[in-house]
Amino acid sequence: MYAIIKSGGRQYKVTEGQVVWVNLLSAEPGSEVSLGDVLFVANGDEVRSGRPLVDGASVKAQVLNHAKDKKILVFKKKRRKGYHKAQGHRQDYTALKILAIEA
């Protein structure tokens, strides 16, 4: 059984027991969250697709921890003007362990 969920503007294919990294959620590590934006659920031959969401479907997950990604360097420059600017960015992520898919 697997589901396709939407979190933080991105879509993820998840199965029970899987650990998935999503954009930062405002939940404490160790707590459980319910993800209600389920786009698709498949259980063997039984397939449910939403328009855009599947009615009554949700995914239960446990928050493992919060972390940051590797630093990305952003460099801006205008030629012949003496302008240059360097910035760094680290994206915040949340690790979720999928506990159950309720369809």
PDB file of N, CA and C in Angstrom:
ATOM      1  N   MET A   1       0.845  -1.180   0.000  1.00  0.00           N
ATOM      2  CA  MET A   1       0.000   0.000   0.000  1.00  0.00           C
ATOM      3  C   MET A   1       0.880   1.230   0.000  1.00  0.00           C
ATOM      4  N   TYR A   2       0.535   2.191  -0.838  1.00  0.00           N
ATOM      5  CA  TYR A   2       1.255   3.454  -0.866  1.00  0.00           C
ATOM      6  C   TYR A   2       0.288   4.594  -1.134  1.00  0.00           C
ATOM      7  N   ALA A   3       0.752   5.800  -0.838  1.00  0.00           N
ATOM      8  CA  ALA A   3      -0.056   6.991  -1.061  1.00  0.00           C
ATOM      9  C   ALA A   3       0.836   8.098  -1.599  1.00  0.00           C
ATOM     10  N   ILE A   4       0.232   9.021  -2.291  1.00  0.00           N
ATOM     11  CA  ILE A   4       0.924  10.225  -2.742  1.00  0.00           C
ATOM     12  C   ILE A   4       0.318  11.382  -1.972  1.00  0.00           C
ATOM     13  N   ILE A   5       1.185  12.064  -1.211  1.00  0.00           N
ATOM     14  CA  ILE A   5       0.730  13.169  -0.363  1.00  0.00           C
ATOM     15  C   ILE A   5       1.347  14.472  -0.845  1.00  0.00           C
ATOM     16  N   LYS A   6       0.719  15.568  -0.416  1.00  0.00           N
ATOM     17  CA  LYS A   6       1.246  16.894  -0.739  1.00  0.00           C
ATOM     18  C   LYS A   6       1.594  17.584   0.567  1.00  0.00           C
ATOM     19  N   SER A   7       2.836  18.095   0.655  1.00  0.00           N
ATOM     20  CA  SER A   7       3.274  18.819   1.845  1.00  0.00           C
ATOM     21  C   SER A   7       4.268  19.882   1.426  1.00  0.00           C
ATOM     22  N   GLY A   8       4.012  21.102   1.797  1.00  0.00           N
ATOM     23  CA  GLY A   8       4.933  22.187   1.479  1.00  0.00           C
ATOM     24  C   GLY A   8       5.061  22.469  -0.006  1.00  0.00           C
ATOM     25  N   GLY A   9       4.003  22.226  -0.775  1.00  0.00           N
ATOM     26  CA  GLY A   9       4.031  22.502  -2.203  1.00  0.00           C
ATOM     27  C   GLY A   9       4.706  21.416  -3.025  1.00  0.00           C
ATOM     28  N   ARG A  10       5.094  20.308  -2.409  1.00  0.00           N
ATOM     29  CA  ARG A  10       5.737  19.198  -3.110  1.00  0.00           C
ATOM     30  C   ARG A  10       4.930  17.935  -2.891  1.00  0.00           C
ATOM     31  N   GLN A  11       5.103  16.968  -3.786  1.00  0.00           N
ATOM     32  CA  GLN A  11       4.401  15.706  -3.682  1.00  0.00           C
ATOM     33  C   GLN A  11       5.389  14.596  -3.343  1.00  0.00           C
ATOM     34  N   TYR A  12       4.970  13.673  -2.469  1.00  0.00           N
ATOM     35  CA  TYR A  12       5.820  12.584  -2.011  1.00  0.00           C
ATOM     36  C   TYR A  12       5.054  11.276  -2.105  1.00  0.00           C
ATOM     37  N   LYS A  13       5.712  10.227  -2.602  1.00  0.00           N
ATOM     38  CA  LYS A  13       5.148   8.878  -2.602  1.00  0.00           C
ATOM     39  C   LYS A  13       5.621   8.209  -1.324  1.00  0.00           C
ATOM     40  N   VAL A  14       4.689   7.789  -0.461  1.00  0.00           N
ATOM     41  CA  VAL A  14       5.047   7.245   0.844  1.00  0.00           C
ATOM     42  C   VAL A  14       4.422   5.871   1.047  1.00  0.00           C
ATOM     43  N   THR A  15       5.127   5.038   1.821  1.00  0.00           N
ATOM     44  CA  THR A  15       4.622   3.743   2.253  1.00  0.00           C
ATOM     45  C   THR A  15       4.767   3.668   3.764  1.00  0.00           C
ATOM     46  N   GLU A  16       4.096   2.714   4.380  1.00  0.00           N
ATOM     47  CA  GLU A  16       4.166   2.582   5.837  1.00  0.00           C
ATOM     48  C   GLU A  16       5.570   2.167   6.255  1.00  0.00           C
ATOM     49  N   GLY A  17       6.093   2.808   7.300  1.00  0.00           N
ATOM     50  CA  GLY A  17       7.430   2.516   7.796  1.00  0.00           C
ATOM     51  C   GLY A  17       8.530   3.328   7.141  1.00  0.00           C
ATOM     52  N   GLN A  18       8.227   4.073   6.109  1.00  0.00           N
ATOM     53  CA  GLN A  18       9.221   4.863   5.378  1.00  0.00           C
ATOM     54  C   GLN A  18       9.525   6.153   6.133  1.00  0.00           C
ATOM     55  N   VAL A  19      10.777   6.626   6.028  1.00  0.00           N
ATOM     56  CA  VAL A  19      11.172   7.922   6.571  1.00  0.00           C
ATOM     57  C   VAL A  19      11.309   8.875   5.402  1.00  0.00           C
ATOM     58  N   VAL A  20      10.606   9.985   5.463  1.00  0.00           N
ATOM     59  CA  VAL A  20      10.612  10.958   4.372  1.00  0.00           C
ATOM     60  C   VAL A  20      10.948  12.333   4.937  1.00  0.00           C
ATOM     61  N   TRP A  21      11.737  13.113   4.185  1.00  0.00           N
ATOM     62  CA  TRP A  21      12.111  14.473   4.577  1.00  0.00           C
ATOM     63  C   TRP A  21      11.219  15.443   3.829  1.00  0.00           C
ATOM     64  N   VAL A  22      10.460  16.261   4.589  1.00  0.00           N
ATOM     65  CA  VAL A  22       9.571  17.264   4.006  1.00  0.00           C
ATOM     66  C   VAL A  22       9.996  18.643   4.486  1.00  0.00           C
ATOM     67  N   ASN A  23       9.458  19.688   3.861  1.00  0.00           N
ATOM     68  CA  ASN A  23       9.742  21.040   4.324  1.00  0.00           C
ATOM     69  C   ASN A  23       9.298  21.187   5.774  1.00  0.00           C
ATOM     70  N   LEU A  24       9.910  22.119   6.474  1.00  0.00           N
ATOM     71  CA  LEU A  24       9.736  22.282   7.915  1.00  0.00           C
ATOM     72  C   LEU A  24       8.265  22.362   8.326  1.00  0.00           C
ATOM     73  N   LEU A  25       7.891  21.521   9.298  1.00  0.00           N
ATOM     74  CA  LEU A  25       6.556  21.542   9.889  1.00  0.00           C
ATOM     75  C   LEU A  25       6.670  22.074  11.311  1.00  0.00           C
ATOM     76  N   SER A  26       5.645  22.748  11.770  1.00  0.00           N
ATOM     77  CA  SER A  26       5.667  23.290  13.133  1.00  0.00           C
ATOM     78  C   SER A  26       5.103  22.249  14.093  1.00  0.00           C
ATOM     79  N   ALA A  27       5.905  21.235  14.375  1.00  0.00           N
ATOM     80  CA  ALA A  27       5.534  20.175  15.312  1.00  0.00           C
ATOM     81  C   ALA A  27       6.777  19.763  16.071  1.00  0.00           C
ATOM     82  N   GLU A  28       6.592  19.383  17.321  1.00  0.00           N
ATOM     83  CA  GLU A  28       7.721  18.985  18.161  1.00  0.00           C
ATOM     84  C   GLU A  28       8.184  17.573  17.788  1.00  0.00           C
ATOM     85  N   PRO A  29       9.495  17.311  17.874  1.00  0.00           N
ATOM     86  CA  PRO A  29       9.982  15.947  17.642  1.00  0.00           C
ATOM     87  C   PRO A  29       9.362  14.970  18.644  1.00  0.00           C
ATOM     88  N   GLY A  30       8.941  13.824  18.130  1.00  0.00           N
ATOM     89  CA  GLY A  30       8.280  12.828  18.954  1.00  0.00           C
ATOM     90  C   GLY A  30       6.767  12.879  18.876  1.00  0.00           C
ATOM     91  N   SER A  31       6.217  13.975  18.372  1.00  0.00           N
ATOM     92  CA  SER A  31       4.765  14.094  18.272  1.00  0.00           C
ATOM     93  C   SER A  31       4.264  13.450  16.977  1.00  0.00           C
ATOM     94  N   GLU A  32       2.967  13.207  16.925  1.00  0.00           N
ATOM     95  CA  GLU A  32       2.357  12.636  15.729  1.00  0.00           C
ATOM     96  C   GLU A  32       1.597  13.726  14.987  1.00  0.00           C
ATOM     97  N   VAL A  33       1.664  13.660  13.654  1.00  0.00           N
ATOM     98  CA  VAL A  33       0.938  14.603  12.812  1.00  0.00           C
ATOM     99  C   VAL A  33       0.072  13.813  11.841  1.00  0.00           C
ATOM    100  N   SER A  34      -0.985  14.435  11.392  1.00  0.00           N
ATOM    101  CA  SER A  34      -1.867  13.842  10.405  1.00  0.00           C
ATOM    102  C   SER A  34      -1.794  14.686   9.148  1.00  0.00           C
ATOM    103  N   LEU A  35      -1.416  14.056   8.055  1.00  0.00           N
ATOM    104  CA  LEU A  35      -1.320  14.753   6.768  1.00  0.00           C
ATOM    105  C   LEU A  35      -2.593  14.458   5.985  1.00  0.00           C
ATOM    106  N   GLY A  36      -3.408  15.466   5.788  1.00  0.00           N
ATOM    107  CA  GLY A  36      -4.703  15.274   5.147  1.00  0.00           C
ATOM    108  C   GLY A  36      -4.712  15.493   3.655  1.00  0.00           C
ATOM    109  N   ASP A  37      -3.646  16.037   3.096  1.00  0.00           N
ATOM    110  CA  ASP A  37      -3.597  16.300   1.660  1.00  0.00           C
ATOM    111  C   ASP A  37      -3.125  15.048   0.925  1.00  0.00           C
ATOM    112  N   VAL A  38      -4.029  14.079   0.786  1.00  0.00           N
ATOM    113  CA  VAL A  38      -3.721  12.818   0.109  1.00  0.00           C
ATOM    114  C   VAL A  38      -4.296  12.895  -1.302  1.00  0.00           C
ATOM    115  N   LEU A  39      -3.431  12.758  -2.300  1.00  0.00           N
ATOM    116  CA  LEU A  39      -3.846  12.879  -3.691  1.00  0.00           C
ATOM    117  C   LEU A  39      -4.197  11.536  -4.320  1.00  0.00           C
ATOM    118  N   PHE A  40      -3.587  10.446  -3.809  1.00  0.00           N
ATOM    119  CA  PHE A  40      -3.727   9.145  -4.457  1.00  0.00           C
ATOM    120  C   PHE A  40      -3.448   8.058  -3.431  1.00  0.00           C
ATOM    121  N   VAL A  41      -4.232   6.981  -3.455  1.00  0.00           N
ATOM    122  CA  VAL A  41      -4.019   5.836  -2.565  1.00  0.00           C
ATOM    123  C   VAL A  41      -4.137   4.569  -3.398  1.00  0.00           C
ATOM    124  N   ALA A  42      -3.151   3.667  -3.252  1.00  0.00           N
ATOM    125  CA  ALA A  42      -3.184   2.389  -3.956  1.00  0.00           C
ATOM    126  C   ALA A  42      -2.946   1.271  -2.954  1.00  0.00           C
ATOM    127  N   ASN A  43      -3.837   0.271  -2.977  1.00  0.00           N
ATOM    128  CA  ASN A  43      -3.716  -0.904  -2.117  1.00  0.00           C
ATOM    129  C   ASN A  43      -3.940  -2.125  -2.999  1.00  0.00           C
ATOM    130  N   GLY A  44      -2.857  -2.668  -3.560  1.00  0.00           N
ATOM    131  CA  GLY A  44      -2.979  -3.794  -4.485  1.00  0.00           C
ATOM    132  C   GLY A  44      -3.689  -3.344  -5.754  1.00  0.00           C
ATOM    133  N   ASP A  45      -4.831  -3.977  -6.049  1.00  0.00           N
ATOM    134  CA  ASP A  45      -5.603  -3.619  -7.243  1.00  0.00           C
ATOM    135  C   ASP A  45      -6.574  -2.474  -6.993  1.00  0.00           C
ATOM    136  N   GLU A  46      -6.814  -2.166  -5.712  1.00  0.00           N
ATOM    137  CA  GLU A  46      -7.729  -1.080  -5.372  1.00  0.00           C
ATOM    138  C   GLU A  46      -6.992   0.258  -5.441  1.00  0.00           C
ATOM    139  N   VAL A  47      -7.488   1.150  -6.283  1.00  0.00           N
ATOM    140  CA  VAL A  47      -6.845   2.447  -6.504  1.00  0.00           C
ATOM    141  C   VAL A  47      -7.889   3.537  -6.304  1.00  0.00           C
ATOM    142  N   ARG A  48      -7.525   4.543  -5.492  1.00  0.00           N
ATOM    143  CA  ARG A  48      -8.405   5.696  -5.281  1.00  0.00           C
ATOM    144  C   ARG A  48      -7.646   6.957  -5.653  1.00  0.00           C
ATOM    145  N   SER A  49      -8.236   7.734  -6.545  1.00  0.00           N
ATOM    146  CA  SER A  49      -7.630   8.975  -6.989  1.00  0.00           C
ATOM    147  C   SER A  49      -8.541  10.125  -6.586  1.00  0.00           C
ATOM    148  N   GLY A  50      -7.948  11.242  -6.201  1.00  0.00           N
ATOM    149  CA  GLY A  50      -8.737  12.380  -5.753  1.00  0.00           C
ATOM    150  C   GLY A  50      -8.901  13.433  -6.822  1.00  0.00           C
ATOM    151  N   ARG A  51      -9.862  14.345  -6.570  1.00  0.00           N
ATOM    152  CA  ARG A  51     -10.080  15.455  -7.490  1.00  0.00           C
ATOM    153  C   ARG A  51     -10.169  16.741  -6.702  1.00  0.00           C
ATOM    154  N   PRO A  52      -9.146  17.342  -6.175  1.00  0.00           N
ATOM    155  CA  PRO A  52      -7.752  16.917  -6.178  1.00  0.00           C
ATOM    156  C   PRO A  52      -7.392  16.011  -5.009  1.00  0.00           C
ATOM    157  N   LEU A  53      -8.231  15.967  -3.922  1.00  0.00           N
ATOM    158  CA  LEU A  53      -7.887  15.175  -2.743  1.00  0.00           C
ATOM    159  C   LEU A  53      -8.819  13.979  -2.606  1.00  0.00           C
ATOM    160  N   VAL A  54      -8.300  12.900  -2.031  1.00  0.00           N
ATOM    161  CA  VAL A  54      -9.097  11.709  -1.769  1.00  0.00           C
ATOM    162  C   VAL A  54      -9.937  11.963  -0.516  1.00  0.00           C
ATOM    163  N   ASP A  55     -11.246  11.781  -0.615  1.00  0.00           N
ATOM    164  CA  ASP A  55     -12.152  12.028   0.513  1.00  0.00           C
ATOM    165  C   ASP A  55     -11.913  11.003   1.619  1.00  0.00           C
ATOM    166  N   GLY A  56     -11.757  11.490   2.842  1.00  0.00           N
ATOM    167  CA  GLY A  56     -11.621  10.622   4.001  1.00  0.00           C
ATOM    168  C   GLY A  56     -10.270   9.962   4.174  1.00  0.00           C
ATOM    169  N   ALA A  57      -9.309  10.264   3.331  1.00  0.00           N
ATOM    170  CA  ALA A  57      -7.983   9.646   3.434  1.00  0.00           C
ATOM    171  C   ALA A  57      -7.039  10.557   4.207  1.00  0.00           C
ATOM    172  N   SER A  58      -6.171   9.934   5.010  1.00  0.00           N
ATOM    173  CA  SER A  58      -5.156  10.694   5.723  1.00  0.00           C
ATOM    174  C   SER A  58      -3.962   9.790   5.967  1.00  0.00           C
ATOM    175  N   VAL A  59      -2.843  10.408   6.269  1.00  0.00           N
ATOM    176  CA  VAL A  59      -1.608   9.685   6.554  1.00  0.00           C
ATOM    177  C   VAL A  59      -1.129  10.114   7.931  1.00  0.00           C
ATOM    178  N   LYS A  60      -0.942   9.160   8.820  1.00  0.00           N
ATOM    179  CA  LYS A  60      -0.425   9.431  10.165  1.00  0.00           C
ATOM    180  C   LYS A  60       1.086   9.277  10.138  1.00  0.00           C
ATOM    181  N   ALA A  61       1.797  10.244  10.720  1.00  0.00           N
ATOM    182  CA  ALA A  61       3.260  10.217  10.731  1.00  0.00           C
ATOM    183  C   ALA A  61       3.773  10.711  12.069  1.00  0.00           C
ATOM    184  N   GLN A  62       4.969  10.269  12.417  1.00  0.00           N
ATOM    185  CA  GLN A  62       5.634  10.707  13.646  1.00  0.00           C
ATOM    186  C   GLN A  62       6.810  11.584  13.264  1.00  0.00           C
ATOM    187  N   VAL A  63       6.937  12.724  13.944  1.00  0.00           N
ATOM    188  CA  VAL A  63       8.042  13.643  13.688  1.00  0.00           C
ATOM    189  C   VAL A  63       9.291  13.091  14.379  1.00  0.00           C
ATOM    190  N   LEU A  64      10.328  12.803  13.600  1.00  0.00           N
ATOM    191  CA  LEU A  64      11.567  12.281  14.174  1.00  0.00           C
ATOM    192  C   LEU A  64      12.481  13.407  14.638  1.00  0.00           C
ATOM    193  N   ASN A  65      12.793  14.333  13.736  1.00  0.00           N
ATOM    194  CA  ASN A  65      13.636  15.474  14.098  1.00  0.00           C
ATOM    195  C   ASN A  65      13.563  16.551  13.026  1.00  0.00           C
ATOM    196  N   HIS A  66      14.199  17.679  13.325  1.00  0.00           N
ATOM    197  CA  HIS A  66      14.321  18.780  12.377  1.00  0.00           C
ATOM    198  C   HIS A  66      15.795  18.924  12.024  1.00  0.00           C
ATOM    199  N   ALA A  67      16.084  19.280  10.772  1.00  0.00           N
ATOM    200  CA  ALA A  67      17.473  19.423  10.343  1.00  0.00           C
ATOM    201  C   ALA A  67      17.533  20.443   9.218  1.00  0.00           C
ATOM    202  N   LYS A  68      18.754  20.773   8.843  1.00  0.00           N
ATOM    203  CA  LYS A  68      18.980  21.697   7.732  1.00  0.00           C
ATOM    204  C   LYS A  68      19.756  20.983   6.633  1.00  0.00           C
ATOM    205  N   ASP A  69      19.518  21.411   5.400  1.00  0.00           N
ATOM    206  CA  ASP A  69      20.208  20.847   4.245  1.00  0.00           C
ATOM    207  C   ASP A  69      21.588  21.484   4.108  1.00  0.00           C
ATOM    208  N   LYS A  70      22.356  21.036   3.130  1.00  0.00           N
ATOM    209  CA  LYS A  70      23.660  21.632   2.864  1.00  0.00           C
ATOM    210  C   LYS A  70      23.492  23.084   2.425  1.00  0.00           C
ATOM    211  N   LYS A  71      24.514  23.875   2.639  1.00  0.00           N
ATOM    212  CA  LYS A  71      24.447  25.287   2.276  1.00  0.00           C
ATOM    213  C   LYS A  71      24.566  25.457   0.763  1.00  0.00           C
ATOM    214  N   ILE A  72      23.716  26.308   0.223  1.00  0.00           N
ATOM    215  CA  ILE A  72      23.759  26.676  -1.190  1.00  0.00           C
ATOM    216  C   ILE A  72      24.289  28.093  -1.266  1.00  0.00           C
ATOM    217  N   LEU A  73      25.272  28.330  -2.101  1.00  0.00           N
ATOM    218  CA  LEU A  73      25.806  29.676  -2.280  1.00  0.00           C
ATOM    219  C   LEU A  73      25.105  30.364  -3.430  1.00  0.00           C
ATOM    220  N   VAL A  74      24.659  31.593  -3.174  1.00  0.00           N
ATOM    221  CA  VAL A  74      24.007  32.418  -4.181  1.00  0.00           C
ATOM    222  C   VAL A  74      24.916  33.611  -4.418  1.00  0.00           C
ATOM    223  N   PHE A  75      25.386  33.781  -5.644  1.00  0.00           N
ATOM    224  CA  PHE A  75      26.317  34.858  -5.958  1.00  0.00           C
ATOM    225  C   PHE A  75      25.712  35.720  -7.045  1.00  0.00           C
ATOM    226  N   LYS A  76      25.612  37.023  -6.766  1.00  0.00           N
ATOM    227  CA  LYS A  76      25.070  37.978  -7.730  1.00  0.00           C
ATOM    228  C   LYS A  76      26.181  38.929  -8.138  1.00  0.00           C
ATOM    229  N   LYS A  77      26.187  39.330  -9.404  1.00  0.00           N
ATOM    230  CA  LYS A  77      27.248  40.203  -9.911  1.00  0.00           C
ATOM    231  C   LYS A  77      26.721  40.991 -11.088  1.00  0.00           C
ATOM    232  N   LYS A  78      27.137  42.237 -11.175  1.00  0.00           N
ATOM    233  CA  LYS A  78      26.854  43.051 -12.354  1.00  0.00           C
ATOM    234  C   LYS A  78      28.192  43.427 -12.970  1.00  0.00           C
ATOM    235  N   ARG A  79      28.359  43.067 -14.190  1.00  0.00           N
ATOM    236  CA  ARG A  79      29.662  43.286 -14.819  1.00  0.00           C
ATOM    237  C   ARG A  79      29.962  44.775 -15.013  1.00  0.00           C
ATOM    238  N   ARG A  80      31.187  45.098 -14.831  1.00  0.00           N
ATOM    239  CA  ARG A  80      31.739  46.448 -15.011  1.00  0.00           C
ATOM    240  C   ARG A  80      31.178  47.474 -14.032  1.00  0.00           C
ATOM    241  N   LYS A  81      30.451  47.082 -13.023  1.00  0.00           N
ATOM    242  CA  LYS A  81      29.844  48.027 -12.078  1.00  0.00           C
ATOM    243  C   LYS A  81      30.441  47.914 -10.680  1.00  0.00           C
ATOM    244  N   GLY A  82      31.235  46.905 -10.435  1.00  0.00           N
ATOM    245  CA  GLY A  82      31.827  46.734  -9.128  1.00  0.00           C
ATOM    246  C   GLY A  82      30.861  46.164  -8.090  1.00  0.00           C
ATOM    247  N   TYR A  83      29.740  45.651  -8.558  1.00  0.00           N
ATOM    248  CA  TYR A  83      28.739  45.112  -7.654  1.00  0.00           C
ATOM    249  C   TYR A  83      28.849  43.596  -7.611  1.00  0.00           C
ATOM    250  N   HIS A  84      29.000  43.080  -6.427  1.00  0.00           N
ATOM    251  CA  HIS A  84      28.906  41.627  -6.228  1.00  0.00           C
ATOM    252  C   HIS A  84      28.419  41.363  -4.819  1.00  0.00           C
ATOM    253  N   LYS A  85      27.669  40.301  -4.688  1.00  0.00           N
ATOM    254  CA  LYS A  85      27.039  39.976  -3.417  1.00  0.00           C
ATOM    255  C   LYS A  85      26.964  38.466  -3.291  1.00  0.00           C
ATOM    256  N   ALA A  86      27.407  37.941  -2.175  1.00  0.00           N
ATOM    257  CA  ALA A  86      27.354  36.503  -1.936  1.00  0.00           C
ATOM    258  C   ALA A  86      26.420  36.233  -0.758  1.00  0.00           C
ATOM    259  N   GLN A  87      25.550  35.259  -0.922  1.00  0.00           N
ATOM    260  CA  GLN A  87      24.629  34.863   0.131  1.00  0.00           C
ATOM    261  C   GLN A  87      24.645  33.346   0.247  1.00  0.00           C
ATOM    262  N   GLY A  88      24.287  32.865   1.403  1.00  0.00           N
ATOM    263  CA  GLY A  88      24.143  31.432   1.603  1.00  0.00           C
ATOM    264  C   GLY A  88      22.733  31.120   2.064  1.00  0.00           C
ATOM    265  N   HIS A  89      22.275  29.911   1.773  1.00  0.00           N
ATOM    266  CA  HIS A  89      20.930  29.496   2.184  1.00  0.00           C
ATOM    267  C   HIS A  89      20.970  28.037   2.601  1.00  0.00           C
ATOM    268  N   ARG A  90      20.328  27.712   3.738  1.00  0.00           N
ATOM    269  CA  ARG A  90      20.175  26.334   4.186  1.00  0.00           C
ATOM    270  C   ARG A  90      18.690  26.085   4.416  1.00  0.00           C
ATOM    271  N   GLN A  91      18.136  25.144   3.664  1.00  0.00           N
ATOM    272  CA  GLN A  91      16.713  24.833   3.764  1.00  0.00           C
ATOM    273  C   GLN A  91      16.439  24.000   5.014  1.00  0.00           C
ATOM    274  N   ASP A  92      15.361  24.333   5.722  1.00  0.00           N
ATOM    275  CA  ASP A  92      14.945  23.579   6.906  1.00  0.00           C
ATOM    276  C   ASP A  92      14.061  22.403   6.491  1.00  0.00           C
ATOM    277  N   TYR A  93      14.296  21.241   7.092  1.00  0.00           N
ATOM    278  CA  TYR A  93      13.524  20.046   6.795  1.00  0.00           C
ATOM    279  C   TYR A  93      13.045  19.376   8.071  1.00  0.00           C
ATOM    280  N   THR A  94      12.015  18.549   7.943  1.00  0.00           N
ATOM    281  CA  THR A  94      11.501  17.733   9.028  1.00  0.00           C
ATOM    282  C   THR A  94      11.495  16.283   8.573  1.00  0.00           C
ATOM    283  N   ALA A  95      12.021  15.394   9.402  1.00  0.00           N
ATOM    284  CA  ALA A  95      12.003  13.965   9.105  1.00  0.00           C
ATOM    285  C   ALA A  95      10.724  13.366   9.678  1.00  0.00           C
ATOM    286  N   LEU A  96       9.960  12.690   8.825  1.00  0.00           N
ATOM    287  CA  LEU A  96       8.716  12.054   9.245  1.00  0.00           C
ATOM    288  C   LEU A  96       8.811  10.551   9.018  1.00  0.00           C
ATOM    289  N   LYS A  97       8.354   9.775   9.983  1.00  0.00           N
ATOM    290  CA  LYS A  97       8.238   8.332   9.810  1.00  0.00           C
ATOM    291  C   LYS A  97       6.758   8.040   9.618  1.00  0.00           C
ATOM    292  N   ILE A  98       6.415   7.422   8.499  1.00  0.00           N
ATOM    293  CA  ILE A  98       5.026   7.153   8.163  1.00  0.00           C
ATOM    294  C   ILE A  98       4.548   5.970   9.005  1.00  0.00           C
ATOM    295  N   LEU A  99       3.515   6.191   9.807  1.00  0.00           N
ATOM    296  CA  LEU A  99       2.982   5.150  10.684  1.00  0.00           C
ATOM    297  C   LEU A  99       1.830   4.384  10.049  1.00  0.00           C
ATOM    298  N   ALA A 100       0.892   5.089   9.429  1.00  0.00           N
ATOM    299  CA  ALA A 100      -0.276   4.426   8.858  1.00  0.00           C
ATOM    300  C   ALA A 100      -0.861   5.251   7.723  1.00  0.00           C
ATOM    301  N   ILE A 101      -1.425   4.543   6.767  1.00  0.00           N
ATOM    302  CA  ILE A 101      -2.146   5.188   5.666  1.00  0.00           C
ATOM    303  C   ILE A 101      -3.598   4.778   5.827  1.00  0.00           C
ATOM    304  N   GLU A 102      -4.457   5.742   6.088  1.00  0.00           N
ATOM    305  CA  GLU A 102      -5.876   5.484   6.300  1.00  0.00           C
ATOM    306  C   GLU A 102      -6.649   5.955   5.083  1.00  0.00           C
ATOM    307  N   ALA A 103      -7.256   4.998   4.399  1.00  0.00           N
ATOM    308  CA  ALA A 103      -7.969   5.343   3.169  1.00  0.00           C
ATOM    309  C   ALA A 103      -9.465   5.216   3.333  1.00  0.00           C
TER     310      ALA A 103
END
